[in-house]
PDB file of N, CA and C in Angstrom:
ATOM      1  N   UNK A   1       1.619 -29.163  -0.253  1.00  0.00           N
ATOM      2  CA  UNK A   1       0.408 -29.433  -0.915  1.00  0.00           C
ATOM      3  C   UNK A   1      -0.416 -29.203  -0.684  1.00  0.00           C
ATOM      4  N   UNK A   2      -1.509 -28.160  -1.353  1.00  0.00           N
ATOM      5  CA  UNK A   2      -3.089 -27.695  -0.187  1.00  0.00           C
ATOM      6  C   UNK A   2      -4.065 -29.118  -1.396  1.00  0.00           C
ATOM      7  N   UNK A   3      -5.076 -28.974  -0.471  1.00  0.00           N
ATOM      8  CA  UNK A   3      -5.937 -29.350  -0.701  1.00  0.00           C
ATOM      9  C   UNK A   3      -7.218 -28.444  -0.915  1.00  0.00           C
ATOM     10  N   UNK A   4      -6.535 -27.154  -1.732  1.00  0.00           N
ATOM     11  CA  UNK A   4      -7.692 -26.241  -2.330  1.00  0.00           C
ATOM     12  C   UNK A   4      -7.898 -26.266  -3.306  1.00  0.00           C
ATOM     13  N   UNK A   5      -9.913 -25.955  -3.386  1.00  0.00           N
ATOM     14  CA  UNK A   5      -9.876 -26.551  -5.084  1.00  0.00           C
ATOM     15  C   UNK A   5     -10.348 -25.564  -6.204  1.00  0.00           C
ATOM     16  N   UNK A   6      -9.987 -25.527  -7.450  1.00  0.00           N
ATOM     17  CA  UNK A   6      -9.713 -24.802  -8.162  1.00  0.00           C
ATOM     18  C   UNK A   6     -10.768 -23.933  -7.870  1.00  0.00           C
ATOM     19  N   UNK A   7     -10.440 -22.998  -8.943  1.00  0.00           N
ATOM     20  CA  UNK A   7     -10.904 -21.392  -8.989  1.00  0.00           C
ATOM     21  C   UNK A   7     -11.864 -21.998  -9.812  1.00  0.00           C
ATOM     22  N   UNK A   8     -13.073 -21.028 -10.039  1.00  0.00           N
ATOM     23  CA  UNK A   8     -13.991 -21.249 -11.509  1.00  0.00           C
ATOM     24  C   UNK A   8     -13.814 -19.729 -12.638  1.00  0.00           C
ATOM     25  N   UNK A   9     -12.551 -19.800 -13.349  1.00  0.00           N
ATOM     26  CA  UNK A   9     -12.842 -18.443 -14.197  1.00  0.00           C
ATOM     27  C   UNK A   9     -13.455 -17.887 -15.104  1.00  0.00           C
ATOM     28  N   UNK A  10     -13.386 -17.031 -15.293  1.00  0.00           N
ATOM     29  CA  UNK A  10     -14.852 -17.069 -16.732  1.00  0.00           C
ATOM     30  C   UNK A  10     -14.016 -17.658 -17.475  1.00  0.00           C
ATOM     31  N   UNK A  11     -14.139 -17.799 -18.775  1.00  0.00           N
ATOM     32  CA  UNK A  11     -13.573 -18.151 -20.633  1.00  0.00           C
ATOM     33  C   UNK A  11     -13.399 -17.241 -21.182  1.00  0.00           C
ATOM     34  N   UNK A  12     -14.334 -16.083 -20.956  1.00  0.00           N
ATOM     35  CA  UNK A  12     -13.935 -14.455 -22.033  1.00  0.00           C
ATOM     36  C   UNK A  12     -14.170 -13.586 -20.752  1.00  0.00           C
ATOM     37  N   UNK A  13     -12.725 -12.920 -20.793  1.00  0.00           N
ATOM     38  CA  UNK A  13     -12.619 -11.529 -20.554  1.00  0.00           C
ATOM     39  C   UNK A  13     -12.984 -10.396 -20.970  1.00  0.00           C
ATOM     40  N   UNK A  14     -14.115 -10.548 -20.107  1.00  0.00           N
ATOM     41  CA  UNK A  14     -15.021  -9.207 -20.519  1.00  0.00           C
ATOM     42  C   UNK A  14     -16.007  -9.064 -19.320  1.00  0.00           C
ATOM     43  N   UNK A  15     -15.149  -7.565 -18.653  1.00  0.00           N
ATOM     44  CA  UNK A  15     -15.910  -7.107 -17.266  1.00  0.00           C
ATOM     45  C   UNK A  15     -17.211  -6.884 -17.789  1.00  0.00           C
ATOM     46  N   UNK A  16     -18.101  -6.487 -16.774  1.00  0.00           N
ATOM     47  CA  UNK A  16     -19.698  -6.174 -17.273  1.00  0.00           C
ATOM     48  C   UNK A  16     -18.984  -5.180 -16.294  1.00  0.00           C
ATOM     49  N   UNK A  17     -19.310  -3.681 -17.451  1.00  0.00           N
ATOM     50  CA  UNK A  17     -19.461  -2.517 -16.262  1.00  0.00           C
ATOM     51  C   UNK A  17     -20.458  -2.062 -15.619  1.00  0.00           C
ATOM     52  N   UNK A  18     -21.593  -2.619 -15.879  1.00  0.00           N
ATOM     53  CA  UNK A  18     -22.604  -1.347 -14.943  1.00  0.00           C
ATOM     54  C   UNK A  18     -22.179  -2.465 -13.815  1.00  0.00           C
ATOM     55  N   UNK A  19     -21.741  -3.595 -13.699  1.00  0.00           N
ATOM     56  CA  UNK A  19     -22.025  -4.181 -12.358  1.00  0.00           C
ATOM     57  C   UNK A  19     -21.007  -3.248 -11.746  1.00  0.00           C
ATOM     58  N   UNK A  20     -19.914  -3.626 -12.410  1.00  0.00           N
ATOM     59  CA  UNK A  20     -18.429  -3.754 -11.534  1.00  0.00           C
ATOM     60  C   UNK A  20     -18.632  -1.572 -11.507  1.00  0.00           C
ATOM     61  N   UNK A  21     -19.005  -0.870 -12.103  1.00  0.00           N
ATOM     62  CA  UNK A  21     -19.394   0.394 -11.198  1.00  0.00           C
ATOM     63  C   UNK A  21     -20.167   0.218 -10.273  1.00  0.00           C
ATOM     64  N   UNK A  22     -21.389  -0.313 -10.330  1.00  0.00           N
ATOM     65  CA  UNK A  22     -22.193  -0.486  -8.651  1.00  0.00           C
ATOM     66  C   UNK A  22     -21.854  -1.239  -8.118  1.00  0.00           C
ATOM     67  N   UNK A  23     -20.837  -1.887  -7.968  1.00  0.00           N
ATOM     68  CA  UNK A  23     -19.755  -2.300  -7.244  1.00  0.00           C
ATOM     69  C   UNK A  23     -19.618  -1.355  -6.933  1.00  0.00           C
ATOM     70  N   UNK A  24     -18.837  -0.295  -7.548  1.00  0.00           N
ATOM     71  CA  UNK A  24     -17.612   0.237  -6.808  1.00  0.00           C
ATOM     72  C   UNK A  24     -17.841   1.933  -6.186  1.00  0.00           C
ATOM     73  N   UNK A  25     -19.621   1.980  -6.250  1.00  0.00           N
ATOM     74  CA  UNK A  25     -20.165   3.267  -5.372  1.00  0.00           C
ATOM     75  C   UNK A  25     -20.374   2.167  -4.002  1.00  0.00           C
ATOM     76  N   UNK A  26     -21.048   1.094  -4.647  1.00  0.00           N
ATOM     77  CA  UNK A  26     -21.782   0.670  -3.139  1.00  0.00           C
ATOM     78  C   UNK A  26     -20.121   0.667  -2.076  1.00  0.00           C
ATOM     79  N   UNK A  27     -19.467   0.385  -2.201  1.00  0.00           N
ATOM     80  CA  UNK A  27     -18.618  -0.169  -1.160  1.00  0.00           C
ATOM     81  C   UNK A  27     -17.787   0.936  -0.550  1.00  0.00           C
ATOM     82  N   UNK A  28     -17.825   0.770   0.519  1.00  0.00           N
ATOM     83  CA  UNK A  28     -16.894   1.521   0.969  1.00  0.00           C
ATOM     84  C   UNK A  28     -15.833   2.857   0.769  1.00  0.00           C
ATOM     85  N   UNK A  29     -15.169   3.489   1.788  1.00  0.00           N
ATOM     86  CA  UNK A  29     -14.065   3.847   1.151  1.00  0.00           C
ATOM     87  C   UNK A  29     -12.934   3.223   1.943  1.00  0.00           C
ATOM     88  N   UNK A  30     -11.666   3.590   1.487  1.00  0.00           N
ATOM     89  CA  UNK A  30      -9.781   2.592   2.234  1.00  0.00           C
ATOM     90  C   UNK A  30     -10.488   2.793   3.939  1.00  0.00           C
ATOM     91  N   UNK A  31     -10.669   4.400   3.832  1.00  0.00           N
ATOM     92  CA  UNK A  31     -10.408   4.695   5.707  1.00  0.00           C
ATOM     93  C   UNK A  31     -11.610   3.619   5.940  1.00  0.00           C
ATOM     94  N   UNK A  32     -12.589   3.602   5.734  1.00  0.00           N
ATOM     95  CA  UNK A  32     -13.767   2.633   6.375  1.00  0.00           C
ATOM     96  C   UNK A  32     -13.031   1.553   6.405  1.00  0.00           C
ATOM     97  N   UNK A  33     -13.148   0.409   4.995  1.00  0.00           N
ATOM     98  CA  UNK A  33     -12.041  -0.865   5.039  1.00  0.00           C
ATOM     99  C   UNK A  33     -11.284  -1.133   6.075  1.00  0.00           C
ATOM    100  N   UNK A  34     -10.701  -0.412   5.907  1.00  0.00           N
ATOM    101  CA  UNK A  34      -9.431   0.004   6.974  1.00  0.00           C
ATOM    102  C   UNK A  34      -9.580  -0.063   8.039  1.00  0.00           C
ATOM    103  N   UNK A  35     -10.410   0.812   9.121  1.00  0.00           N
ATOM    104  CA  UNK A  35     -11.093   0.837   9.837  1.00  0.00           C
ATOM    105  C   UNK A  35     -12.051  -0.757  10.087  1.00  0.00           C
ATOM    106  N   UNK A  36     -12.695  -1.401   9.374  1.00  0.00           N
ATOM    107  CA  UNK A  36     -13.347  -2.462   9.744  1.00  0.00           C
ATOM    108  C   UNK A  36     -11.792  -3.715   9.780  1.00  0.00           C
ATOM    109  N   UNK A  37     -10.909  -3.736   9.198  1.00  0.00           N
ATOM    110  CA  UNK A  37      -9.881  -4.819   9.119  1.00  0.00           C
ATOM    111  C   UNK A  37      -9.093  -5.208  10.406  1.00  0.00           C
ATOM    112  N   UNK A  38      -9.356  -3.752  11.121  1.00  0.00           N
ATOM    113  CA  UNK A  38      -8.990  -3.442  12.089  1.00  0.00           C
ATOM    114  C   UNK A  38      -9.709  -3.849  13.591  1.00  0.00           C
ATOM    115  N   UNK A  39     -11.214  -3.475  13.503  1.00  0.00           N
ATOM    116  CA  UNK A  39     -11.980  -4.528  14.328  1.00  0.00           C
ATOM    117  C   UNK A  39     -12.140  -6.077  13.897  1.00  0.00           C
ATOM    118  N   UNK A  40     -12.240  -6.298  13.246  1.00  0.00           N
ATOM    119  CA  UNK A  40     -12.186  -7.921  13.079  1.00  0.00           C
ATOM    120  C   UNK A  40     -10.662  -8.356  13.394  1.00  0.00           C
ATOM    121  N   UNK A  41      -9.578  -7.837  13.474  1.00  0.00           N
ATOM    122  CA  UNK A  41      -8.433  -7.938  13.643  1.00  0.00           C
ATOM    123  C   UNK A  41      -8.445  -8.018  15.003  1.00  0.00           C
ATOM    124  N   UNK A  42      -9.182  -7.603  16.470  1.00  0.00           N
ATOM    125  CA  UNK A  42      -8.821  -7.750  17.795  1.00  0.00           C
ATOM    126  C   UNK A  42     -10.227  -8.619  17.816  1.00  0.00           C
ATOM    127  N   UNK A  43     -10.748  -9.198  17.071  1.00  0.00           N
ATOM    128  CA  UNK A  43     -11.173 -10.524  17.117  1.00  0.00           C
ATOM    129  C   UNK A  43     -11.034 -11.800  16.932  1.00  0.00           C
ATOM    130  N   UNK A  44      -9.683 -11.640  16.282  1.00  0.00           N
ATOM    131  CA  UNK A  44      -8.643 -12.729  15.695  1.00  0.00           C
ATOM    132  C   UNK A  44      -7.619 -12.980  17.650  1.00  0.00           C
ATOM    133  N   UNK A  45      -8.038 -12.802  18.803  1.00  0.00           N
ATOM    134  CA  UNK A  45      -7.114 -13.071  19.508  1.00  0.00           C
ATOM    135  C   UNK A  45      -8.210 -13.769  19.940  1.00  0.00           C
ATOM    136  N   UNK A  46      -7.643 -15.966  20.137  1.00  0.00           N
ATOM    137  CA  UNK A  46      -9.324 -16.348  21.686  1.00  0.00           C
ATOM    138  C   UNK A  46      -9.035 -15.439  23.036  1.00  0.00           C
ATOM    139  N   UNK A  47      -8.158 -15.166  23.709  1.00  0.00           N
ATOM    140  CA  UNK A  47      -7.895 -14.893  24.748  1.00  0.00           C
ATOM    141  C   UNK A  47      -9.583 -13.643  24.620  1.00  0.00           C
ATOM    142  N   UNK A  48      -8.586 -12.118  24.096  1.00  0.00           N
ATOM    143  CA  UNK A  48     -10.082 -11.877  23.349  1.00  0.00           C
ATOM    144  C   UNK A  48     -11.575 -11.865  23.357  1.00  0.00           C
ATOM    145  N   UNK A  49     -11.601 -13.078  22.764  1.00  0.00           N
ATOM    146  CA  UNK A  49     -12.715 -13.750  22.389  1.00  0.00           C
ATOM    147  C   UNK A  49     -13.540 -14.302  23.665  1.00  0.00           C
ATOM    148  N   UNK A  50     -13.045 -15.333  24.621  1.00  0.00           N
ATOM    149  CA  UNK A  50     -13.437 -15.801  25.314  1.00  0.00           C
ATOM    150  C   UNK A  50     -13.379 -13.831  26.561  1.00  0.00           C
ATOM    151  N   UNK A  51     -13.072 -13.125  26.645  1.00  0.00           N
ATOM    152  CA  UNK A  51     -13.130 -11.768  28.200  1.00  0.00           C
ATOM    153  C   UNK A  51     -14.725 -11.478  27.752  1.00  0.00           C
ATOM    154  N   UNK A  52     -14.527 -11.446  26.402  1.00  0.00           N
ATOM    155  CA  UNK A  52     -16.161 -10.544  25.089  1.00  0.00           C
ATOM    156  C   UNK A  52     -16.685 -11.910  25.629  1.00  0.00           C
ATOM    157  N   UNK A  53     -16.871 -13.076  25.503  1.00  0.00           N
ATOM    158  CA  UNK A  53     -18.336 -13.862  26.226  1.00  0.00           C
ATOM    159  C   UNK A  53     -18.329 -13.636  26.786  1.00  0.00           C
ATOM    160  N   UNK A  54     -17.214 -13.869  28.018  1.00  0.00           N
ATOM    161  CA  UNK A  54     -17.282 -14.029  29.285  1.00  0.00           C
ATOM    162  C   UNK A  54     -18.427 -12.636  29.624  1.00  0.00           C
ATOM    163  N   UNK A  55     -18.349 -11.049  29.101  1.00  0.00           N
ATOM    164  CA  UNK A  55     -19.180 -10.321  29.844  1.00  0.00           C
ATOM    165  C   UNK A  55     -20.476 -10.807  29.255  1.00  0.00           C
ATOM    166  N   UNK A  56     -20.837 -11.628  28.198  1.00  0.00           N
ATOM    167  CA  UNK A  56     -22.178 -11.564  27.477  1.00  0.00           C
ATOM    168  C   UNK A  56     -23.074 -11.449  28.432  1.00  0.00           C
ATOM    169  N   UNK A  57     -22.735 -12.424  29.858  1.00  0.00           N
ATOM    170  CA  UNK A  57     -23.635 -12.458  30.992  1.00  0.00           C
ATOM    171  C   UNK A  57     -23.582 -11.321  31.980  1.00  0.00           C
ATOM    172  N   UNK A  58     -22.210 -10.761  32.278  1.00  0.00           N
ATOM    173  CA  UNK A  58     -22.249 -10.429  33.443  1.00  0.00           C
ATOM    174  C   UNK A  58     -21.345  -8.996  33.372  1.00  0.00           C
ATOM    175  N   UNK A  59     -21.369  -8.189  33.903  1.00  0.00           N
ATOM    176  CA  UNK A  59     -20.698  -7.404  33.987  1.00  0.00           C
ATOM    177  C   UNK A  59     -19.896  -7.633  34.798  1.00  0.00           C
ATOM    178  N   UNK A  60     -18.673  -7.574  34.683  1.00  0.00           N
ATOM    179  CA  UNK A  60     -17.385  -8.411  35.560  1.00  0.00           C
ATOM    180  C   UNK A  60     -15.949  -7.635  35.949  1.00  0.00           C
ATOM    181  N   UNK A  61     -15.345  -7.808  36.862  1.00  0.00           N
ATOM    182  CA  UNK A  61     -14.300  -6.504  36.789  1.00  0.00           C
ATOM    183  C   UNK A  61     -12.695  -7.378  36.829  1.00  0.00           C
ATOM    184  N   UNK A  62     -11.358  -6.814  36.348  1.00  0.00           N
ATOM    185  CA  UNK A  62     -10.614  -8.146  35.723  1.00  0.00           C
ATOM    186  C   UNK A  62     -10.055  -8.779  36.783  1.00  0.00           C
ATOM    187  N   UNK A  63     -10.512  -9.256  38.307  1.00  0.00           N
ATOM    188  CA  UNK A  63      -9.836  -9.907  39.569  1.00  0.00           C
ATOM    189  C   UNK A  63     -11.015 -10.995  38.646  1.00  0.00           C
ATOM    190  N   UNK A  64     -12.593 -10.913  38.403  1.00  0.00           N
ATOM    191  CA  UNK A  64     -13.392 -12.026  38.298  1.00  0.00           C
ATOM    192  C   UNK A  64     -13.233 -12.119  37.259  1.00  0.00           C
ATOM    193  N   UNK A  65     -12.856 -11.573  35.778  1.00  0.00           N
ATOM    194  CA  UNK A  65     -12.123 -12.009  34.297  1.00  0.00           C
ATOM    195  C   UNK A  65     -10.730 -13.592  33.998  1.00  0.00           C
ATOM    196  N   UNK A  66      -9.993 -12.897  34.803  1.00  0.00           N
ATOM    197  CA  UNK A  66      -8.679 -13.076  35.992  1.00  0.00           C
ATOM    198  C   UNK A  66      -8.903 -15.289  36.287  1.00  0.00           C
ATOM    199  N   UNK A  67      -9.710 -14.831  37.221  1.00  0.00           N
ATOM    200  CA  UNK A  67      -9.707 -15.965  37.988  1.00  0.00           C
ATOM    201  C   UNK A  67     -10.973 -16.493  36.762  1.00  0.00           C
ATOM    202  N   UNK A  68     -12.503 -16.791  36.439  1.00  0.00           N
ATOM    203  CA  UNK A  68     -13.040 -17.521  35.251  1.00  0.00           C
ATOM    204  C   UNK A  68     -12.158 -17.793  34.686  1.00  0.00           C
ATOM    205  N   UNK A  69     -11.325 -17.000  33.769  1.00  0.00           N
ATOM    206  CA  UNK A  69     -10.550 -17.724  32.441  1.00  0.00           C
ATOM    207  C   UNK A  69      -9.443 -18.686  33.288  1.00  0.00           C
ATOM    208  N   UNK A  70      -8.402 -18.591  33.913  1.00  0.00           N
ATOM    209  CA  UNK A  70      -6.961 -18.794  34.750  1.00  0.00           C
ATOM    210  C   UNK A  70      -5.797 -18.411  34.102  1.00  0.00           C
ATOM    211  N   UNK A  71      -5.758 -16.353  34.151  1.00  0.00           N
ATOM    212  CA  UNK A  71      -5.399 -15.630  33.406  1.00  0.00           C
ATOM    213  C   UNK A  71      -4.977 -14.725  34.873  1.00  0.00           C
ATOM    214  N   UNK A  72      -3.776 -13.840  34.276  1.00  0.00           N
ATOM    215  CA  UNK A  72      -3.192 -13.445  35.117  1.00  0.00           C
ATOM    216  C   UNK A  72      -3.762 -12.242  35.256  1.00  0.00           C
ATOM    217  N   UNK A  73      -4.151 -10.850  36.078  1.00  0.00           N
ATOM    218  CA  UNK A  73      -4.728  -9.784  35.974  1.00  0.00           C
ATOM    219  C   UNK A  73      -4.267  -9.116  34.593  1.00  0.00           C
ATOM    220  N   UNK A  74      -2.817  -9.052  35.118  1.00  0.00           N
ATOM    221  CA  UNK A  74      -2.008  -8.356  34.142  1.00  0.00           C
ATOM    222  C   UNK A  74      -2.571  -8.067  32.535  1.00  0.00           C
ATOM    223  N   UNK A  75      -3.006  -9.608  32.249  1.00  0.00           N
ATOM    224  CA  UNK A  75      -2.924 -10.489  31.454  1.00  0.00           C
ATOM    225  C   UNK A  75      -4.342  -9.948  30.373  1.00  0.00           C
ATOM    226  N   UNK A  76      -5.578  -9.634  31.580  1.00  0.00           N
ATOM    227  CA  UNK A  76      -6.575  -9.779  31.645  1.00  0.00           C
ATOM    228  C   UNK A  76      -6.058  -7.930  31.188  1.00  0.00           C
ATOM    229  N   UNK A  77      -6.003  -7.798  31.914  1.00  0.00           N
ATOM    230  CA  UNK A  77      -5.724  -5.922  31.870  1.00  0.00           C
ATOM    231  C   UNK A  77      -5.436  -5.195  30.958  1.00  0.00           C
ATOM    232  N   UNK A  78      -4.570  -6.097  30.177  1.00  0.00           N
ATOM    233  CA  UNK A  78      -3.290  -6.054  28.730  1.00  0.00           C
ATOM    234  C   UNK A  78      -4.783  -6.537  27.104  1.00  0.00           C
ATOM    235  N   UNK A  79      -5.610  -6.774  27.890  1.00  0.00           N
ATOM    236  CA  UNK A  79      -6.650  -6.897  26.675  1.00  0.00           C
ATOM    237  C   UNK A  79      -8.080  -6.488  26.791  1.00  0.00           C
ATOM    238  N   UNK A  80      -8.061  -6.276  28.124  1.00  0.00           N
ATOM    239  CA  UNK A  80      -9.008  -5.383  28.216  1.00  0.00           C
ATOM    240  C   UNK A  80      -8.616  -3.328  27.471  1.00  0.00           C
ATOM    241  N   UNK A  81      -8.161  -3.509  27.993  1.00  0.00           N
ATOM    242  CA  UNK A  81      -6.938  -2.408  27.339  1.00  0.00           C
ATOM    243  C   UNK A  81      -7.057  -1.809  25.879  1.00  0.00           C
ATOM    244  N   UNK A  82      -6.635  -2.847  24.778  1.00  0.00           N
ATOM    245  CA  UNK A  82      -6.920  -3.542  23.592  1.00  0.00           C
ATOM    246  C   UNK A  82      -8.612  -3.407  23.046  1.00  0.00           C
ATOM    247  N   UNK A  83      -9.895  -3.830  23.655  1.00  0.00           N
ATOM    248  CA  UNK A  83     -11.226  -4.214  22.886  1.00  0.00           C
ATOM    249  C   UNK A  83     -11.602  -3.207  23.460  1.00  0.00           C
ATOM    250  N   UNK A  84     -11.045  -2.434  24.735  1.00  0.00           N
ATOM    251  CA  UNK A  84     -11.527  -0.699  24.722  1.00  0.00           C
ATOM    252  C   UNK A  84     -11.136   0.440  24.505  1.00  0.00           C
ATOM    253  N   UNK A  85      -9.582   0.317  23.464  1.00  0.00           N
ATOM    254  CA  UNK A  85      -9.732   1.272  22.347  1.00  0.00           C
ATOM    255  C   UNK A  85      -9.981   0.626  20.815  1.00  0.00           C
ATOM    256  N   UNK A  86     -10.938  -0.232  20.752  1.00  0.00           N
ATOM    257  CA  UNK A  86     -11.350  -0.899  19.593  1.00  0.00           C
ATOM    258  C   UNK A  86     -13.180  -0.452  20.213  1.00  0.00           C
ATOM    259  N   UNK A  87     -13.108  -0.109  21.167  1.00  0.00           N
ATOM    260  CA  UNK A  87     -14.525   0.042  21.643  1.00  0.00           C
ATOM    261  C   UNK A  87     -15.477  -0.398  21.281  1.00  0.00           C
ATOM    262  N   UNK A  88     -15.375  -1.790  21.868  1.00  0.00           N
ATOM    263  CA  UNK A  88     -16.641  -2.883  22.064  1.00  0.00           C
ATOM    264  C   UNK A  88     -16.455  -2.807  23.844  1.00  0.00           C
ATOM    265  N   UNK A  89     -15.335  -2.558  24.172  1.00  0.00           N
ATOM    266  CA  UNK A  89     -16.179  -2.778  26.420  1.00  0.00           C
ATOM    267  C   UNK A  89     -15.868  -1.367  26.740  1.00  0.00           C
ATOM    268  N   UNK A  90     -16.878  -1.091  27.675  1.00  0.00           N
ATOM    269  CA  UNK A  90     -17.009   0.500  27.956  1.00  0.00           C
ATOM    270  C   UNK A  90     -16.956   0.045  29.757  1.00  0.00           C
ATOM    271  N   UNK A  91     -15.837   0.098  30.611  1.00  0.00           N
ATOM    272  CA  UNK A  91     -15.164   0.598  32.104  1.00  0.00           C
ATOM    273  C   UNK A  91     -16.580   1.114  32.748  1.00  0.00           C
ATOM    274  N   UNK A  92     -17.279   1.163  34.064  1.00  0.00           N
ATOM    275  CA  UNK A  92     -17.965   1.863  35.111  1.00  0.00           C
ATOM    276  C   UNK A  92     -16.647   1.302  36.248  1.00  0.00           C
ATOM    277  N   UNK A  93     -16.696   2.531  36.616  1.00  0.00           N
ATOM    278  CA  UNK A  93     -15.874   2.704  38.252  1.00  0.00           C
ATOM    279  C   UNK A  93     -17.034   2.844  39.555  1.00  0.00           C
ATOM    280  N   UNK A  94     -16.893   1.861  40.258  1.00  0.00           N
ATOM    281  CA  UNK A  94     -17.597   1.593  41.684  1.00  0.00           C
ATOM    282  C   UNK A  94     -16.238   1.626  42.765  1.00  0.00           C
ATOM    283  N   UNK A  95     -16.145   2.938  43.909  1.00  0.00           N
ATOM    284  CA  UNK A  95     -14.874   2.986  43.913  1.00  0.00           C
ATOM    285  C   UNK A  95     -14.034   2.852  44.107  1.00  0.00           C
ATOM    286  N   UNK A  96     -12.801   1.382  44.363  1.00  0.00           N
ATOM    287  CA  UNK A  96     -11.933   1.424  43.809  1.00  0.00           C
ATOM    288  C   UNK A  96     -11.405  -0.289  42.801  1.00  0.00           C
ATOM    289  N   UNK A  97     -13.216  -0.306  42.473  1.00  0.00           N
ATOM    290  CA  UNK A  97     -12.835  -1.598  41.428  1.00  0.00           C
ATOM    291  C   UNK A  97     -13.521  -0.712  39.537  1.00  0.00           C
ATOM    292  N   UNK A  98     -12.955  -1.376  38.447  1.00  0.00           N
ATOM    293  CA  UNK A  98     -13.641  -0.504  37.702  1.00  0.00           C
ATOM    294  C   UNK A  98     -14.319  -2.371  37.168  1.00  0.00           C
ATOM    295  N   UNK A  99     -15.324  -2.245  36.844  1.00  0.00           N
ATOM    296  CA  UNK A  99     -15.868  -2.765  36.213  1.00  0.00           C
ATOM    297  C   UNK A  99     -16.466  -2.818  34.737  1.00  0.00           C
ATOM    298  N   UNK A 100     -16.108  -4.300  34.071  1.00  0.00           N
ATOM    299  CA  UNK A 100     -16.026  -4.221  32.855  1.00  0.00           C
ATOM    300  C   UNK A 100     -17.499  -4.811  32.276  1.00  0.00           C
ATOM    301  N   UNK A 101     -17.857  -3.674  30.727  1.00  0.00           N
ATOM    302  CA  UNK A 101     -19.226  -4.268  30.207  1.00  0.00           C
ATOM    303  C   UNK A 101     -19.037  -4.655  28.460  1.00  0.00           C
ATOM    304  N   UNK A 102     -19.738  -4.944  27.611  1.00  0.00           N
ATOM    305  CA  UNK A 102     -19.697  -4.580  26.250  1.00  0.00           C
ATOM    306  C   UNK A 102     -20.385  -3.921  26.361  1.00  0.00           C
ATOM    307  N   UNK A 103     -19.790  -2.959  24.979  1.00  0.00           N
ATOM    308  CA  UNK A 103     -19.941  -1.837  24.852  1.00  0.00           C
ATOM    309  C   UNK A 103     -21.597  -1.768  24.274  1.00  0.00           C
ATOM    310  N   UNK A 104     -22.131  -2.116  23.474  1.00  0.00           N
ATOM    311  CA  UNK A 104     -23.603  -2.404  22.843  1.00  0.00           C
ATOM    312  C   UNK A 104     -23.961  -3.265  22.401  1.00  0.00           C
ATOM    313  N   UNK A 105     -25.028  -3.113  22.057  1.00  0.00           N
ATOM    314  CA  UNK A 105     -25.445  -4.718  21.245  1.00  0.00           C
ATOM    315  C   UNK A 105     -25.009  -5.112  19.766  1.00  0.00           C
ATOM    316  N   UNK A 106     -24.338  -4.627  19.604  1.00  0.00           N
ATOM    317  CA  UNK A 106     -23.535  -4.445  18.341  1.00  0.00           C
ATOM    318  C   UNK A 106     -22.739  -5.713  18.749  1.00  0.00           C
ATOM    319  N   UNK A 107     -21.822  -5.922  18.906  1.00  0.00           N
ATOM    320  CA  UNK A 107     -20.987  -6.244  19.374  1.00  0.00           C
ATOM    321  C   UNK A 107     -20.797  -8.159  19.801  1.00  0.00           C
ATOM    322  N   UNK A 108     -22.234  -8.237  20.786  1.00  0.00           N
ATOM    323  CA  UNK A 108     -22.577  -9.583  20.686  1.00  0.00           C
ATOM    324  C   UNK A 108     -23.672 -10.485  19.420  1.00  0.00           C
ATOM    325  N   UNK A 109     -23.884  -9.168  18.292  1.00  0.00           N
ATOM    326  CA  UNK A 109     -23.907  -9.391  17.727  1.00  0.00           C
ATOM    327  C   UNK A 109     -23.255 -10.350  15.873  1.00  0.00           C
ATOM    328  N   UNK A 110     -22.372  -9.758  16.425  1.00  0.00           N
ATOM    329  CA  UNK A 110     -21.265  -9.865  16.053  1.00  0.00           C
ATOM    330  C   UNK A 110     -20.678 -10.793  16.604  1.00  0.00           C
ATOM    331  N   UNK A 111     -20.244 -11.479  17.439  1.00  0.00           N
ATOM    332  CA  UNK A 111     -19.934 -12.696  17.928  1.00  0.00           C
ATOM    333  C   UNK A 111     -20.397 -13.628  18.076  1.00  0.00           C
ATOM    334  N   UNK A 112     -22.732 -13.934  17.797  1.00  0.00           N
ATOM    335  CA  UNK A 112     -23.542 -14.604  17.992  1.00  0.00           C
ATOM    336  C   UNK A 112     -23.318 -15.220  16.437  1.00  0.00           C
ATOM    337  N   UNK A 113     -22.611 -14.036  15.476  1.00  0.00           N
ATOM    338  CA  UNK A 113     -22.772 -14.492  13.790  1.00  0.00           C
ATOM    339  C   UNK A 113     -22.113 -15.195  14.014  1.00  0.00           C
ATOM    340  N   UNK A 114     -20.623 -14.837  14.254  1.00  0.00           N
ATOM    341  CA  UNK A 114     -19.593 -15.895  13.936  1.00  0.00           C
ATOM    342  C   UNK A 114     -19.705 -16.956  14.414  1.00  0.00           C
ATOM    343  N   UNK A 115     -20.801 -16.915  15.569  1.00  0.00           N
ATOM    344  CA  UNK A 115     -21.075 -18.731  16.139  1.00  0.00           C
ATOM    345  C   UNK A 115     -21.631 -19.410  15.235  1.00  0.00           C
ATOM    346  N   UNK A 116     -22.761 -18.732  14.431  1.00  0.00           N
ATOM    347  CA  UNK A 116     -24.144 -18.959  14.074  1.00  0.00           C
ATOM    348  C   UNK A 116     -23.142 -19.794  12.305  1.00  0.00           C
ATOM    349  N   UNK A 117     -22.043 -18.606  12.789  1.00  0.00           N
ATOM    350  CA  UNK A 117     -21.315 -19.535  10.793  1.00  0.00           C
ATOM    351  C   UNK A 117     -20.562 -20.703  11.458  1.00  0.00           C
ATOM    352  N   UNK A 118     -19.401 -20.286  11.882  1.00  0.00           N
ATOM    353  CA  UNK A 118     -18.991 -21.368  12.467  1.00  0.00           C
ATOM    354  C   UNK A 118     -19.138 -23.365  12.686  1.00  0.00           C
ATOM    355  N   UNK A 119     -21.112 -22.565  13.600  1.00  0.00           N
ATOM    356  CA  UNK A 119     -21.851 -23.576  13.913  1.00  0.00           C
ATOM    357  C   UNK A 119     -22.405 -24.756  12.577  1.00  0.00           C
ATOM    358  N   UNK A 120     -22.143 -24.189  11.739  1.00  0.00           N
ATOM    359  CA  UNK A 120     -22.977 -24.038  10.467  1.00  0.00           C
ATOM    360  C   UNK A 120     -22.388 -25.200   9.353  1.00  0.00           C
TER     361      UNK A 120
END
């Protein structure tokens, strides 16, 4: 048994065609919605969120992130590969060391807005 509130429904089955059509025109296409779903899927892992949040403050290498979060370098590398393929982080090589940073300010904005939402 769940404690979900019942959903309010219309008493009269009558779609408002003008509103429905306006919303239909404003909606992104299926491919875009799929890509958006995949983006949010990447955010659905707490390890990836911890890595992204760590990169708010500084550019870090795999060793730095592993030490900071108490993870193995292998685990961090795996998550960074996913984050990089989702274009959420970028890499910069300096000699034999690869440093990671947030790809752009959008990543920080998405996370900050999510934090604001969960803190309300």
